[in-house]
């Protein structure tokens, strides 16, 4: 009887594990679709609408990526296969697809320095993204069974997560090609190439760095007063309304806000070395390279 129950439980767990893997497959499909779609476009004829559509598909991929992990944890069907599958999907959807989108956005002759530097920056970004995912996967295997290290690993990321790096690079290019940008700046294509290359290199560095980036899953917002509730509602409504009318501006602002806030918290921790109450779960890594 015990063997029968165990067999039934194992089979039931395998069936339940299908759903997270389906979500991961859908996220991967979004990334592959963006790559194929952008590849079929003629260089120089990529419009703002093409970039916007690719961005929306990648946002859908990020949402599916969040849901697959959350579903696996809730259903208690986390597995080695699911972890590796998720990392491979992230490498394609958030490591390669954003680079392809940006490379196809610009019409650059292959023999120019601009083409060389932009392509090099895109390659560095993609390689760094893959390396970060490999490090995360290996670390997750090494700390299995150690509850303290597993909790610490969930509280923050060592290096900028690729799911945060991709929105930063894509939102920056989307904003530079939008009407919102033209209201404030008049940026030439050459300047856009320089900005894109710098963003590739900066984000690539921080993905493989040892800097700690706060995990949003560990944030607990306590609203103890009515004014705080009203203010939170107001900010949420402002973001939603802004996204409808000025999506590129809101998207790039939110993406860079996360980056700079997390980086500032890391710098504060390194400089002060004090255990601030607000950063209890935000300890810098003391391991040597």
C-alpha atoms as a PDB file:
ATOM      1  CA  UNK A   1       0.000   0.000   0.000  1.00  0.00           C
ATOM      2  CA  UNK A   2       2.810   2.396   0.864  1.00  0.00           C
ATOM      3  CA  UNK A   3       4.505   1.693  -2.466  1.00  0.00           C
ATOM      4  CA  UNK A   4       1.235   2.339  -4.294  1.00  0.00           C
ATOM      5  CA  UNK A   5       0.710   5.622  -2.464  1.00  0.00           C
ATOM      6  CA  UNK A   6       4.283   6.699  -3.189  1.00  0.00           C
ATOM      7  CA  UNK A   7       3.927   5.832  -6.877  1.00  0.00           C
ATOM      8  CA  UNK A   8       0.647   7.753  -7.089  1.00  0.00           C
ATOM      9  CA  UNK A   9       2.224  10.774  -5.356  1.00  0.00           C
ATOM     10  CA  UNK A  10       5.193  10.728  -7.742  1.00  0.00           C
ATOM     11  CA  UNK A  11       2.944  10.524 -10.792  1.00  0.00           C
ATOM     12  CA  UNK A  12       0.702  13.282  -9.444  1.00  0.00           C
ATOM     13  CA  UNK A  13       3.721  15.521  -8.821  1.00  0.00           C
ATOM     14  CA  UNK A  14       4.965  14.967 -12.363  1.00  0.00           C
ATOM     15  CA  UNK A  15       1.564  15.944 -13.742  1.00  0.00           C
ATOM     16  CA  UNK A  16       1.496  19.094 -11.630  1.00  0.00           C
ATOM     17  CA  UNK A  17       5.027  19.979 -12.765  1.00  0.00           C
ATOM     18  CA  UNK A  18       3.807  20.254 -16.355  1.00  0.00           C
ATOM     19  CA  UNK A  19       2.124  23.639 -15.776  1.00  0.00           C
ATOM     20  CA  UNK A  20       5.287  25.576 -14.730  1.00  0.00           C
ATOM     21  CA  UNK A  21       7.185  24.027 -17.646  1.00  0.00           C
ATOM     22  CA  UNK A  22       4.406  25.050 -20.040  1.00  0.00           C
ATOM     23  CA  UNK A  23       4.703  28.645 -18.791  1.00  0.00           C
ATOM     24  CA  UNK A  24       8.477  28.484 -19.279  1.00  0.00           C
ATOM     25  CA  UNK A  25       7.959  27.145 -22.810  1.00  0.00           C
ATOM     26  CA  UNK A  26       5.582  30.032 -23.573  1.00  0.00           C
ATOM     27  CA  UNK A  27       8.145  32.524 -22.276  1.00  0.00           C
ATOM     28  CA  UNK A  28      10.785  30.899 -24.494  1.00  0.00           C
ATOM     29  CA  UNK A  29       8.375  31.037 -27.434  1.00  0.00           C
ATOM     30  CA  UNK A  30       7.971  34.793 -26.945  1.00  0.00           C
ATOM     31  CA  UNK A  31      11.740  35.288 -27.063  1.00  0.00           C
ATOM     32  CA  UNK A  32      12.176  33.120 -30.164  1.00  0.00           C
ATOM     33  CA  UNK A  33       9.263  34.882 -31.878  1.00  0.00           C
ATOM     34  CA  UNK A  34      10.899  38.286 -31.292  1.00  0.00           C
ATOM     35  CA  UNK A  35      14.222  37.024 -32.686  1.00  0.00           C
ATOM     36  CA  UNK A  36      12.634  35.526 -35.804  1.00  0.00           C
ATOM     37  CA  UNK A  37      10.342  38.501 -36.405  1.00  0.00           C
ATOM     38  CA  UNK A  38      13.112  41.089 -36.067  1.00  0.00           C
ATOM     39  CA  UNK A  39      15.459  39.027 -38.242  1.00  0.00           C
ATOM     40  CA  UNK A  40      12.946  39.060 -41.099  1.00  0.00           C
ATOM     41  CA  UNK A  41      12.763  42.861 -41.084  1.00  0.00           C
ATOM     42  CA  UNK A  42      14.972  44.769 -43.508  1.00  0.00           C
ATOM     43  CA  UNK A  43      17.725  46.794 -41.755  1.00  0.00           C
ATOM     44  CA  UNK A  44      16.869  50.466 -41.762  1.00  0.00           C
ATOM     45  CA  UNK A  45      13.143  49.843 -42.178  1.00  0.00           C
ATOM     46  CA  UNK A  46      12.467  48.991 -38.542  1.00  0.00           C
ATOM     47  CA  UNK A  47       9.856  51.416 -37.242  1.00  0.00           C
ATOM     48  CA  UNK A  48       8.934  52.569 -33.759  1.00  0.00           C
ATOM     49  CA  UNK A  49       5.870  50.318 -33.928  1.00  0.00           C
ATOM     50  CA  UNK A  50       8.096  47.294 -34.596  1.00  0.00           C
ATOM     51  CA  UNK A  51      10.218  48.110 -31.539  1.00  0.00           C
ATOM     52  CA  UNK A  52       7.097  48.686 -29.423  1.00  0.00           C
ATOM     53  CA  UNK A  53       5.589  45.353 -30.502  1.00  0.00           C
ATOM     54  CA  UNK A  54       8.836  43.498 -29.711  1.00  0.00           C
ATOM     55  CA  UNK A  55       8.989  45.221 -26.324  1.00  0.00           C
ATOM     56  CA  UNK A  56       5.437  44.174 -25.460  1.00  0.00           C
ATOM     57  CA  UNK A  57       6.180  40.548 -26.385  1.00  0.00           C
ATOM     58  CA  UNK A  58       9.292  40.582 -24.179  1.00  0.00           C
ATOM     59  CA  UNK A  59       7.255  42.034 -21.315  1.00  0.00           C
ATOM     60  CA  UNK A  60       4.844  39.126 -21.774  1.00  0.00           C
ATOM     61  CA  UNK A  61       7.849  36.769 -21.662  1.00  0.00           C
ATOM     62  CA  UNK A  62       8.962  38.366 -18.381  1.00  0.00           C
ATOM     63  CA  UNK A  63       5.468  37.974 -16.914  1.00  0.00           C
ATOM     64  CA  UNK A  64       5.382  34.292 -17.911  1.00  0.00           C
ATOM     65  CA  UNK A  65       8.872  33.843 -16.451  1.00  0.00           C
ATOM     66  CA  UNK A  66       7.653  35.262 -13.138  1.00  0.00           C
ATOM     67  CA  UNK A  67       4.551  33.081 -13.172  1.00  0.00           C
ATOM     68  CA  UNK A  68       6.405  29.827 -13.882  1.00  0.00           C
ATOM     69  CA  UNK A  69       8.629  30.225 -10.834  1.00  0.00           C
ATOM     70  CA  UNK A  70       5.763  31.347  -8.608  1.00  0.00           C
ATOM     71  CA  UNK A  71       3.590  28.449  -9.806  1.00  0.00           C
ATOM     72  CA  UNK A  72       6.351  25.904  -9.162  1.00  0.00           C
ATOM     73  CA  UNK A  73       6.862  27.218  -5.620  1.00  0.00           C
ATOM     74  CA  UNK A  74       3.147  27.303  -4.799  1.00  0.00           C
ATOM     75  CA  UNK A  75       2.550  23.814  -6.196  1.00  0.00           C
ATOM     76  CA  UNK A  76       5.809  22.564  -4.608  1.00  0.00           C
ATOM     77  CA  UNK A  77       7.024  21.023  -7.851  1.00  0.00           C
ATOM     78  CA  UNK A  78      10.397  22.776  -8.209  1.00  0.00           C
ATOM     79  CA  UNK A  79      12.823  20.484 -10.034  1.00  0.00           C
ATOM     80  CA  UNK A  80      16.317  20.440 -11.532  1.00  0.00           C
ATOM     81  CA  UNK A  81      14.827  20.130 -15.015  1.00  0.00           C
ATOM     82  CA  UNK A  82      12.592  23.149 -14.447  1.00  0.00           C
ATOM     83  CA  UNK A  83      15.501  25.222 -13.138  1.00  0.00           C
ATOM     84  CA  UNK A  84      17.751  24.455 -16.112  1.00  0.00           C
ATOM     85  CA  UNK A  85      14.886  24.912 -18.585  1.00  0.00           C
ATOM     86  CA  UNK A  86      14.052  28.285 -17.045  1.00  0.00           C
ATOM     87  CA  UNK A  87      17.674  29.463 -17.291  1.00  0.00           C
ATOM     88  CA  UNK A  88      17.928  28.422 -20.941  1.00  0.00           C
ATOM     89  CA  UNK A  89      14.661  30.196 -21.741  1.00  0.00           C
ATOM     90  CA  UNK A  90      15.881  33.349 -19.967  1.00  0.00           C
ATOM     91  CA  UNK A  91      19.159  33.249 -21.912  1.00  0.00           C
ATOM     92  CA  UNK A  92      17.259  33.374 -25.204  1.00  0.00           C
ATOM     93  CA  UNK A  93      14.357  35.660 -24.265  1.00  0.00           C
ATOM     94  CA  UNK A  94      16.331  38.200 -22.203  1.00  0.00           C
ATOM     95  CA  UNK A  95      19.930  37.645 -23.288  1.00  0.00           C
ATOM     96  CA  UNK A  96      19.726  37.275 -27.066  1.00  0.00           C
ATOM     97  CA  UNK A  97      16.350  38.729 -28.101  1.00  0.00           C
ATOM     98  CA  UNK A  98      16.997  42.287 -26.733  1.00  0.00           C
ATOM     99  CA  UNK A  99      20.368  42.377 -28.516  1.00  0.00           C
ATOM    100  CA  UNK A 100      18.747  41.333 -31.812  1.00  0.00           C
ATOM    101  CA  UNK A 101      16.038  43.987 -31.427  1.00  0.00           C
ATOM    102  CA  UNK A 102      18.586  46.759 -30.944  1.00  0.00           C
ATOM    103  CA  UNK A 103      20.978  45.578 -33.679  1.00  0.00           C
ATOM    104  CA  UNK A 104      18.130  45.483 -36.214  1.00  0.00           C
ATOM    105  CA  UNK A 105      16.879  48.890 -35.118  1.00  0.00           C
ATOM    106  CA  UNK A 106      19.895  50.689 -36.564  1.00  0.00           C
ATOM    107  CA  UNK A 107      20.900  50.692 -40.225  1.00  0.00           C
ATOM    108  CA  UNK A 108      24.701  50.645 -40.011  1.00  0.00           C
ATOM    109  CA  UNK A 109      27.103  49.663 -42.805  1.00  0.00           C
ATOM    110  CA  UNK A 110      29.135  46.612 -41.713  1.00  0.00           C
ATOM    111  CA  UNK A 111      32.494  48.309 -42.356  1.00  0.00           C
ATOM    112  CA  UNK A 112      31.933  51.263 -39.998  1.00  0.00           C
ATOM    113  CA  UNK A 113      33.256  51.714 -36.453  1.00  0.00           C
ATOM    114  CA  UNK A 114      29.697  52.286 -35.214  1.00  0.00           C
ATOM    115  CA  UNK A 115      28.648  48.867 -36.485  1.00  0.00           C
ATOM    116  CA  UNK A 116      31.695  47.222 -34.891  1.00  0.00           C
ATOM    117  CA  UNK A 117      31.237  48.820 -31.461  1.00  0.00           C
ATOM    118  CA  UNK A 118      27.460  48.270 -31.335  1.00  0.00           C
ATOM    119  CA  UNK A 119      27.820  44.616 -32.354  1.00  0.00           C
ATOM    120  CA  UNK A 120      30.618  44.115 -29.820  1.00  0.00           C
ATOM    121  CA  UNK A 121      28.498  45.701 -27.086  1.00  0.00           C
ATOM    122  CA  UNK A 122      25.538  43.461 -27.975  1.00  0.00           C
ATOM    123  CA  UNK A 123      27.737  40.349 -27.898  1.00  0.00           C
ATOM    124  CA  UNK A 124      29.212  41.313 -24.525  1.00  0.00           C
ATOM    125  CA  UNK A 125      25.727  41.896 -23.124  1.00  0.00           C
ATOM    126  CA  UNK A 126      24.468  38.493 -24.321  1.00  0.00           C
ATOM    127  CA  UNK A 127      27.560  36.628 -23.095  1.00  0.00           C
ATOM    128  CA  UNK A 128      27.404  38.321 -19.686  1.00  0.00           C
ATOM    129  CA  UNK A 129      23.714  37.456 -19.428  1.00  0.00           C
ATOM    130  CA  UNK A 130      24.405  33.779 -20.110  1.00  0.00           C
ATOM    131  CA  UNK A 131      27.328  33.745 -17.648  1.00  0.00           C
ATOM    132  CA  UNK A 132      25.121  35.265 -14.963  1.00  0.00           C
ATOM    133  CA  UNK A 133      22.479  32.589 -15.496  1.00  0.00           C
ATOM    134  CA  UNK A 134      25.112  29.838 -15.344  1.00  0.00           C
ATOM    135  CA  UNK A 135      26.473  31.251 -12.073  1.00  0.00           C
ATOM    136  CA  UNK A 136      22.982  31.465 -10.607  1.00  0.00           C
ATOM    137  CA  UNK A 137      22.145  27.885 -11.600  1.00  0.00           C
ATOM    138  CA  UNK A 138      25.419  26.464 -10.235  1.00  0.00           C
ATOM    139  CA  UNK A 139      25.043  28.419  -6.992  1.00  0.00           C
ATOM    140  CA  UNK A 140      21.487  27.166  -6.558  1.00  0.00           C
ATOM    141  CA  UNK A 141      22.689  23.554  -6.800  1.00  0.00           C
ATOM    142  CA  UNK A 142      25.566  24.160  -4.386  1.00  0.00           C
ATOM    143  CA  UNK A 143      23.393  25.610  -1.625  1.00  0.00           C
ATOM    144  CA  UNK A 144      20.589  23.048  -1.809  1.00  0.00           C
ATOM    145  CA  UNK A 145      19.780  21.831   1.688  1.00  0.00           C
ATOM    146  CA  UNK A 146      21.322  24.878   3.362  1.00  0.00           C
ATOM    147  CA  UNK A 147      18.243  26.808   4.507  1.00  0.00           C
ATOM    148  CA  UNK A 148      20.213  29.864   5.604  1.00  0.00           C
ATOM    149  CA  UNK A 149      22.002  30.280   2.270  1.00  0.00           C
ATOM    150  CA  UNK A 150      18.845  29.504   0.308  1.00  0.00           C
ATOM    151  CA  UNK A 151      16.956  32.233   2.169  1.00  0.00           C
ATOM    152  CA  UNK A 152      19.842  34.647   1.613  1.00  0.00           C
ATOM    153  CA  UNK A 153      19.911  33.755  -2.094  1.00  0.00           C
ATOM    154  CA  UNK A 154      16.205  34.576  -2.425  1.00  0.00           C
ATOM    155  CA  UNK A 155      16.549  37.880  -0.562  1.00  0.00           C
ATOM    156  CA  UNK A 156      18.870  39.432  -3.116  1.00  0.00           C
ATOM    157  CA  UNK A 157      20.649  38.784  -6.401  1.00  0.00           C
ATOM    158  CA  UNK A 158      24.401  38.605  -6.862  1.00  0.00           C
ATOM    159  CA  UNK A 159      24.723  40.699  -9.982  1.00  0.00           C
ATOM    160  CA  UNK A 160      21.919  42.403 -11.865  1.00  0.00           C
ATOM    161  CA  UNK A 161      19.307  39.774 -12.838  1.00  0.00           C
ATOM    162  CA  UNK A 162      18.963  39.336 -16.573  1.00  0.00           C
ATOM    163  CA  UNK A 163      15.199  39.843 -16.290  1.00  0.00           C
ATOM    164  CA  UNK A 164      15.986  43.372 -15.051  1.00  0.00           C
ATOM    165  CA  UNK A 165      18.812  44.000 -17.512  1.00  0.00           C
ATOM    166  CA  UNK A 166      16.698  43.229 -20.568  1.00  0.00           C
ATOM    167  CA  UNK A 167      13.983  45.821 -19.777  1.00  0.00           C
ATOM    168  CA  UNK A 168      16.683  48.450 -19.196  1.00  0.00           C
ATOM    169  CA  UNK A 169      18.329  48.044 -22.609  1.00  0.00           C
ATOM    170  CA  UNK A 170      15.053  47.612 -24.519  1.00  0.00           C
ATOM    171  CA  UNK A 171      13.246  50.479 -22.763  1.00  0.00           C
ATOM    172  CA  UNK A 172      16.196  52.802 -23.434  1.00  0.00           C
ATOM    173  CA  UNK A 173      16.084  52.173 -27.191  1.00  0.00           C
ATOM    174  CA  UNK A 174      12.288  52.340 -27.239  1.00  0.00           C
ATOM    175  CA  UNK A 175      12.412  55.717 -25.496  1.00  0.00           C
ATOM    176  CA  UNK A 176      15.108  57.083 -27.826  1.00  0.00           C
ATOM    177  CA  UNK A 177      12.872  56.294 -30.827  1.00  0.00           C
ATOM    178  CA  UNK A 178       9.675  57.642 -29.273  1.00  0.00           C
ATOM    179  CA  UNK A 179       7.919  61.004 -29.436  1.00  0.00           C
ATOM    180  CA  UNK A 180       8.439  61.317 -25.675  1.00  0.00           C
ATOM    181  CA  UNK A 181      12.188  61.570 -26.249  1.00  0.00           C
ATOM    182  CA  UNK A 182      11.835  64.164 -28.997  1.00  0.00           C
ATOM    183  CA  UNK A 183       9.969  66.411 -26.571  1.00  0.00           C
ATOM    184  CA  UNK A 184      13.064  66.652 -24.379  1.00  0.00           C
ATOM    185  CA  UNK A 185      16.004  65.819 -26.648  1.00  0.00           C
ATOM    186  CA  UNK A 186      16.935  65.851 -30.315  1.00  0.00           C
ATOM    187  CA  UNK A 187      19.303  62.868 -30.523  1.00  0.00           C
ATOM    188  CA  UNK A 188      20.957  61.827 -33.774  1.00  0.00           C
ATOM    189  CA  UNK A 189      21.226  58.185 -34.815  1.00  0.00           C
ATOM    190  CA  UNK A 190      24.977  58.265 -34.175  1.00  0.00           C
ATOM    191  CA  UNK A 191      24.356  59.417 -30.609  1.00  0.00           C
ATOM    192  CA  UNK A 192      21.735  56.698 -30.162  1.00  0.00           C
ATOM    193  CA  UNK A 193      24.289  54.083 -31.237  1.00  0.00           C
ATOM    194  CA  UNK A 194      26.774  55.412 -28.685  1.00  0.00           C
ATOM    195  CA  UNK A 195      24.138  55.352 -25.933  1.00  0.00           C
ATOM    196  CA  UNK A 196      23.050  51.807 -26.869  1.00  0.00           C
ATOM    197  CA  UNK A 197      26.655  50.568 -26.826  1.00  0.00           C
ATOM    198  CA  UNK A 198      27.327  52.136 -23.424  1.00  0.00           C
ATOM    199  CA  UNK A 199      24.122  50.674 -21.985  1.00  0.00           C
ATOM    200  CA  UNK A 200      25.076  47.214 -23.318  1.00  0.00           C
ATOM    201  CA  UNK A 201      28.488  47.405 -21.645  1.00  0.00           C
ATOM    202  CA  UNK A 202      27.243  48.835 -18.339  1.00  0.00           C
ATOM    203  CA  UNK A 203      24.403  46.330 -17.947  1.00  0.00           C
ATOM    204  CA  UNK A 204      26.685  43.483 -19.043  1.00  0.00           C
ATOM    205  CA  UNK A 205      29.216  44.401 -16.356  1.00  0.00           C
ATOM    206  CA  UNK A 206      26.660  44.627 -13.572  1.00  0.00           C
ATOM    207  CA  UNK A 207      25.110  41.281 -14.535  1.00  0.00           C
ATOM    208  CA  UNK A 208      28.380  39.432 -13.910  1.00  0.00           C
ATOM    209  CA  UNK A 209      29.500  41.658 -11.026  1.00  0.00           C
ATOM    210  CA  UNK A 210      29.343  40.799  -7.311  1.00  0.00           C
ATOM    211  CA  UNK A 211      27.116  43.778  -6.538  1.00  0.00           C
ATOM    212  CA  UNK A 212      23.949  42.897  -4.643  1.00  0.00           C
ATOM    213  CA  UNK A 213      20.611  43.787  -6.189  1.00  0.00           C
ATOM    214  CA  UNK A 214      17.549  43.677  -3.982  1.00  0.00           C
ATOM    215  CA  UNK A 215      14.909  41.119  -4.894  1.00  0.00           C
ATOM    216  CA  UNK A 216      11.468  42.680  -5.186  1.00  0.00           C
ATOM    217  CA  UNK A 217       9.993  39.453  -3.794  1.00  0.00           C
ATOM    218  CA  UNK A 218      11.427  40.298  -0.360  1.00  0.00           C
ATOM    219  CA  UNK A 219       9.912  43.773  -0.152  1.00  0.00           C
ATOM    220  CA  UNK A 220       7.109  44.086   2.374  1.00  0.00           C
ATOM    221  CA  UNK A 221       5.218  47.362   2.249  1.00  0.00           C
ATOM    222  CA  UNK A 222       3.244  48.129   5.393  1.00  0.00           C
ATOM    223  CA  UNK A 223       0.513  50.729   5.042  1.00  0.00           C
ATOM    224  CA  UNK A 224      -0.270  51.830   8.585  1.00  0.00           C
ATOM    225  CA  UNK A 225      -2.268  54.953   7.801  1.00  0.00           C
ATOM    226  CA  UNK A 226      -4.989  56.155   5.487  1.00  0.00           C
ATOM    227  CA  UNK A 227      -2.770  58.846   3.870  1.00  0.00           C
ATOM    228  CA  UNK A 228      -0.232  56.130   2.984  1.00  0.00           C
ATOM    229  CA  UNK A 229      -2.968  54.073   1.311  1.00  0.00           C
ATOM    230  CA  UNK A 230      -4.171  57.117  -0.628  1.00  0.00           C
ATOM    231  CA  UNK A 231      -0.628  58.010  -1.707  1.00  0.00           C
ATOM    232  CA  UNK A 232       0.074  54.431  -2.856  1.00  0.00           C
ATOM    233  CA  UNK A 233      -3.161  54.374  -4.830  1.00  0.00           C
ATOM    234  CA  UNK A 234      -2.351  57.739  -6.375  1.00  0.00           C
ATOM    235  CA  UNK A 235       1.127  56.625  -7.466  1.00  0.00           C
ATOM    236  CA  UNK A 236      -0.254  53.362  -8.917  1.00  0.00           C
ATOM    237  CA  UNK A 237      -2.929  55.267 -10.849  1.00  0.00           C
ATOM    238  CA  UNK A 238      -0.326  57.757 -12.074  1.00  0.00           C
ATOM    239  CA  UNK A 239       1.864  54.941 -13.389  1.00  0.00           C
ATOM    240  CA  UNK A 240      -1.074  53.229 -15.118  1.00  0.00           C
ATOM    241  CA  UNK A 241      -2.364  56.420 -16.733  1.00  0.00           C
ATOM    242  CA  UNK A 242       1.164  57.435 -17.693  1.00  0.00           C
ATOM    243  CA  UNK A 243       1.758  54.030 -19.272  1.00  0.00           C
ATOM    244  CA  UNK A 244      -1.293  54.482 -21.492  1.00  0.00           C
ATOM    245  CA  UNK A 245      -0.242  57.868 -22.854  1.00  0.00           C
ATOM    246  CA  UNK A 246       3.555  57.842 -22.394  1.00  0.00           C
ATOM    247  CA  UNK A 247       4.524  54.179 -22.176  1.00  0.00           C
ATOM    248  CA  UNK A 248       8.175  54.568 -23.342  1.00  0.00           C
ATOM    249  CA  UNK A 249       8.845  57.301 -20.755  1.00  0.00           C
ATOM    250  CA  UNK A 250       7.229  55.374 -17.888  1.00  0.00           C
ATOM    251  CA  UNK A 251       8.896  52.100 -18.873  1.00  0.00           C
ATOM    252  CA  UNK A 252      12.412  53.509 -19.112  1.00  0.00           C
ATOM    253  CA  UNK A 253      11.951  55.481 -15.879  1.00  0.00           C
ATOM    254  CA  UNK A 254      10.802  52.459 -13.851  1.00  0.00           C
ATOM    255  CA  UNK A 255      13.558  50.257 -15.312  1.00  0.00           C
ATOM    256  CA  UNK A 256      16.357  52.668 -14.422  1.00  0.00           C
ATOM    257  CA  UNK A 257      14.838  53.521 -11.025  1.00  0.00           C
ATOM    258  CA  UNK A 258      15.157  49.884  -9.957  1.00  0.00           C
ATOM    259  CA  UNK A 259      18.754  49.786 -11.169  1.00  0.00           C
ATOM    260  CA  UNK A 260      19.879  52.966  -9.407  1.00  0.00           C
ATOM    261  CA  UNK A 261      17.970  52.353  -6.162  1.00  0.00           C
ATOM    262  CA  UNK A 262      19.402  48.830  -5.828  1.00  0.00           C
ATOM    263  CA  UNK A 263      22.890  50.074  -6.690  1.00  0.00           C
ATOM    264  CA  UNK A 264      22.686  52.933  -4.172  1.00  0.00           C
ATOM    265  CA  UNK A 265      21.637  50.491  -1.448  1.00  0.00           C
ATOM    266  CA  UNK A 266      24.674  48.346  -2.253  1.00  0.00           C
ATOM    267  CA  UNK A 267      26.989  51.353  -2.144  1.00  0.00           C
ATOM    268  CA  UNK A 268      25.547  52.453   1.201  1.00  0.00           C
ATOM    269  CA  UNK A 269      26.113  48.982   2.620  1.00  0.00           C
ATOM    270  CA  UNK A 270      29.719  48.873   1.412  1.00  0.00           C
ATOM    271  CA  UNK A 271      30.570  52.361   2.648  1.00  0.00           C
ATOM    272  CA  UNK A 272      28.903  52.287   6.052  1.00  0.00           C
ATOM    273  CA  UNK A 273      29.332  48.614   6.864  1.00  0.00           C
ATOM    274  CA  UNK A 274      26.512  49.093   9.349  1.00  0.00           C
ATOM    275  CA  UNK A 275      23.563  46.767   9.741  1.00  0.00           C
ATOM    276  CA  UNK A 276      20.726  49.077   8.865  1.00  0.00           C
ATOM    277  CA  UNK A 277      17.313  47.792   9.849  1.00  0.00           C
ATOM    278  CA  UNK A 278      15.897  48.424   6.391  1.00  0.00           C
ATOM    279  CA  UNK A 279      18.652  46.322   4.828  1.00  0.00           C
ATOM    280  CA  UNK A 280      18.651  43.288   7.101  1.00  0.00           C
ATOM    281  CA  UNK A 281      18.307  40.956   4.126  1.00  0.00           C
ATOM    282  CA  UNK A 282      20.707  42.935   1.956  1.00  0.00           C
ATOM    283  CA  UNK A 283      24.167  41.822   3.043  1.00  0.00           C
ATOM    284  CA  UNK A 284      27.018  42.208   0.545  1.00  0.00           C
ATOM    285  CA  UNK A 285      28.782  39.061  -0.580  1.00  0.00           C
ATOM    286  CA  UNK A 286      32.052  38.558   1.297  1.00  0.00           C
ATOM    287  CA  UNK A 287      33.232  35.679  -0.868  1.00  0.00           C
ATOM    288  CA  UNK A 288      36.333  36.297  -2.889  1.00  0.00           C
ATOM    289  CA  UNK A 289      36.330  35.795  -6.599  1.00  0.00           C
END
